[in-house]
Amino acid sequence: METGAQESVVNRKILALVAVVLALILIAICYLGILLIRSRQTVQPARQQLAQTEIPLPTSVISAKPVGIFLPVVVKVETPKAVIVQTSNVWRFISIDANEIGTFENVGDPSKRLLAKCKDPNRPAPYAGELYTLYEQGILKPQGDSKKFQRFEVINR
């Protein structure tokens, strides 16, 4: 009986050894599988190479094909002519001081100012905003040739 019991113990040892070896093989296969999966994830996809354009090199062979040569074309560009902007002949009365000198601003260009001396001190002074026309003689007259308000003569400074 001892031989049967010894064989049973030996069989158990062999069985345990085979189980350990199989377990180690299974672990090794799992480890290699994990390594393969990780290496595929980290490998970058191959870059697609762009097709290189072929540049023809000059040769000594004479070609019968016509060669297109493009030359720059110079086009005459006309510069715009200077536009002379004349100020309006209409002026707006702003104020008058104690010396009977009135201040006017141009209706077309309010940045332009004009000083003029009163010609008719007996007539009433105009209200602010009254419109005057400037004549070539340098005289400012109320619009509509009204004799209601004073006339002014431009002061040249």
Protein backbone atom coordinates (compact mmCIF):
# COMPACT_ATOMS: atom_id res chain seq x y z
CA MET A 1 0.00 0.00 0.00
CA GLU A 2 2.77 2.24 0.51
CA THR A 3 3.58 2.10 -3.13
CA GLY A 4 0.03 3.22 -3.95
CA ALA A 5 0.25 5.96 -1.38
CA GLN A 6 3.71 6.97 -2.64
CA GLU A 7 2.45 6.97 -6.19
CA SER A 8 -0.46 9.10 -5.13
CA VAL A 9 1.86 11.61 -3.48
CA VAL A 10 4.15 11.61 -6.54
CA ASN A 11 1.15 12.06 -8.83
CA ARG A 12 0.00 14.97 -6.74
CA LYS A 13 3.47 16.54 -6.89
CA ILE A 14 3.65 16.06 -10.66
CA LEU A 15 0.13 17.43 -11.02
CA ALA A 16 1.03 20.47 -8.87
CA LEU A 17 4.24 21.00 -10.91
CA VAL A 18 2.32 20.80 -14.21
CA ALA A 19 -0.28 23.25 -12.83
CA VAL A 20 2.46 25.73 -11.82
CA VAL A 21 4.16 25.42 -15.22
CA LEU A 22 0.85 25.93 -17.03
CA ALA A 23 0.08 28.93 -14.81
CA LEU A 24 3.49 30.47 -15.61
CA ILE A 25 2.93 29.90 -19.35
CA LEU A 26 -0.51 31.49 -19.09
CA ILE A 27 0.94 34.51 -17.24
CA ALA A 28 3.71 34.83 -19.86
CA ILE A 29 1.15 34.75 -22.70
CA CYS A 30 -0.96 37.43 -20.97
CA TYR A 31 2.11 39.59 -20.38
CA LEU A 32 3.19 39.33 -24.04
CA GLY A 33 -0.36 40.14 -25.16
CA ILE A 34 -0.39 43.27 -23.03
CA LEU A 35 3.00 44.32 -24.42
CA LEU A 36 1.79 43.86 -28.00
CA ILE A 37 -1.38 45.87 -27.38
CA ARG A 38 0.58 48.71 -25.76
CA SER A 39 3.17 48.81 -28.53
CA ARG A 40 0.43 49.08 -31.18
CA GLN A 41 -1.17 51.96 -29.32
CA THR A 42 2.06 53.93 -29.01
CA VAL A 43 3.20 53.41 -32.59
CA GLN A 44 2.20 56.45 -34.64
CA PRO A 45 0.57 55.80 -37.96
CA ALA A 46 2.90 56.09 -40.88
CA ARG A 47 2.80 59.52 -42.49
CA GLN A 48 1.58 59.67 -45.99
CA GLN A 49 4.24 61.12 -48.18
CA LEU A 50 3.08 63.84 -50.49
CA ALA A 51 3.72 63.27 -54.12
CA GLN A 52 6.72 65.33 -55.06
CA THR A 53 6.24 67.57 -58.02
CA GLU A 54 8.63 66.95 -60.81
CA ILE A 55 10.62 69.94 -61.90
CA PRO A 56 11.87 69.59 -65.42
CA LEU A 57 15.57 70.18 -65.63
CA PRO A 58 16.98 72.13 -68.54
CA THR A 59 18.34 69.96 -71.27
CA SER A 60 20.24 70.58 -74.42
CA VAL A 61 17.45 69.12 -76.53
CA ILE A 62 15.61 71.74 -78.56
CA SER A 63 11.91 71.54 -78.09
CA ALA A 64 9.34 72.32 -80.77
CA LYS A 65 6.80 73.42 -78.15
CA PRO A 66 6.24 77.17 -77.93
CA VAL A 67 7.40 78.63 -74.66
CA GLY A 68 4.97 80.98 -72.91
CA ILE A 69 6.75 83.98 -71.47
CA PHE A 70 4.81 86.28 -69.24
CA LEU A 71 6.08 89.81 -68.88
CA PRO A 72 4.79 92.36 -66.42
CA VAL A 73 2.57 94.99 -67.94
CA VAL A 74 2.86 98.58 -66.81
CA VAL A 75 -0.46 100.35 -66.85
CA LYS A 76 -0.61 104.10 -66.63
CA VAL A 77 -2.59 105.01 -63.56
CA GLU A 78 -4.11 108.43 -63.59
CA THR A 79 -3.86 110.25 -60.33
CA PRO A 80 -6.98 112.05 -59.28
CA LYS A 81 -6.84 115.75 -59.93
CA ALA A 82 -6.87 118.05 -56.97
CA VAL A 83 -10.35 119.19 -56.20
CA ILE A 84 -10.57 122.77 -55.10
CA VAL A 85 -13.31 123.08 -52.55
CA GLN A 86 -14.61 126.56 -52.32
CA THR A 87 -16.17 127.63 -49.14
CA SER A 88 -19.77 128.61 -49.23
CA ASN A 89 -20.66 132.28 -49.60
CA VAL A 90 -23.18 131.82 -46.82
CA TRP A 91 -21.99 132.72 -43.32
CA ARG A 92 -23.75 132.35 -39.97
CA PHE A 93 -23.63 135.23 -37.47
CA ILE A 94 -22.29 134.13 -34.08
CA SER A 95 -21.75 137.23 -31.94
CA ILE A 96 -20.80 140.89 -31.86
CA ASP A 97 -18.48 142.58 -29.37
CA ALA A 98 -18.44 146.08 -27.83
CA ASN A 99 -16.30 147.46 -30.71
CA GLU A 100 -19.01 146.49 -33.22
CA ILE A 101 -16.93 143.60 -34.62
CA GLY A 102 -18.98 140.54 -35.53
CA THR A 103 -17.85 136.93 -35.67
CA PHE A 104 -19.19 134.67 -38.42
CA GLU A 105 -18.74 130.98 -39.27
CA ASN A 106 -19.01 129.43 -42.71
CA VAL A 107 -22.15 127.33 -43.21
CA GLY A 108 -20.32 124.85 -45.49
CA ASP A 109 -17.28 124.54 -43.21
CA PRO A 110 -17.94 125.61 -39.58
CA SER A 111 -14.21 125.43 -38.82
CA LYS A 112 -13.69 128.64 -40.85
CA ARG A 113 -14.31 131.89 -38.98
CA LEU A 114 -14.51 135.44 -40.19
CA LEU A 115 -14.34 138.83 -38.41
CA ALA A 116 -16.18 141.82 -39.81
CA LYS A 117 -16.76 145.43 -38.70
CA CYS A 118 -20.28 146.76 -38.55
CA LYS A 119 -21.17 149.17 -41.40
CA ASP A 120 -24.62 150.19 -40.11
CA PRO A 121 -24.39 150.85 -36.38
CA ASN A 122 -27.87 152.48 -36.46
CA ARG A 123 -29.55 149.22 -37.45
CA PRO A 124 -30.22 146.51 -34.89
CA ALA A 125 -27.62 143.78 -34.35
CA PRO A 126 -28.59 140.41 -35.80
CA TYR A 127 -29.62 137.44 -33.69
CA ALA A 128 -27.20 134.56 -33.31
CA GLY A 129 -27.67 132.14 -36.20
CA GLU A 130 -28.78 134.74 -38.79
CA LEU A 131 -27.47 133.92 -42.25
CA TYR A 132 -25.41 136.41 -44.26
CA THR A 133 -24.14 136.35 -47.85
CA LEU A 134 -20.54 137.38 -48.55
CA TYR A 135 -20.14 139.46 -51.69
CA GLU A 136 -16.91 139.99 -53.66
CA GLN A 137 -16.45 143.48 -52.26
CA GLY A 138 -16.00 141.92 -48.79
CA ILE A 139 -19.43 142.99 -47.59
CA LEU A 140 -21.64 140.66 -45.57
CA LYS A 141 -25.34 141.36 -46.13
CA PRO A 142 -28.29 139.62 -44.47
CA GLN A 143 -29.78 137.00 -46.76
CA GLY A 144 -32.76 138.15 -48.78
CA ASP A 145 -31.29 141.69 -48.89
CA SER A 146 -33.17 142.48 -45.70
CA LYS A 147 -32.41 145.94 -44.37
CA LYS A 148 -33.66 144.86 -40.99
CA PHE A 149 -30.18 143.99 -39.63
CA GLN A 150 -26.71 145.52 -39.80
CA ARG A 151 -24.31 144.94 -42.68
CA PHE A 152 -20.64 144.05 -42.05
CA GLU A 153 -17.35 144.68 -43.84
CA VAL A 154 -14.75 141.90 -43.62
CA ILE A 155 -11.61 142.77 -41.67
CA ASN A 156 -8.41 141.56 -43.38
CA ARG A 157 -5.94 140.32 -40.81
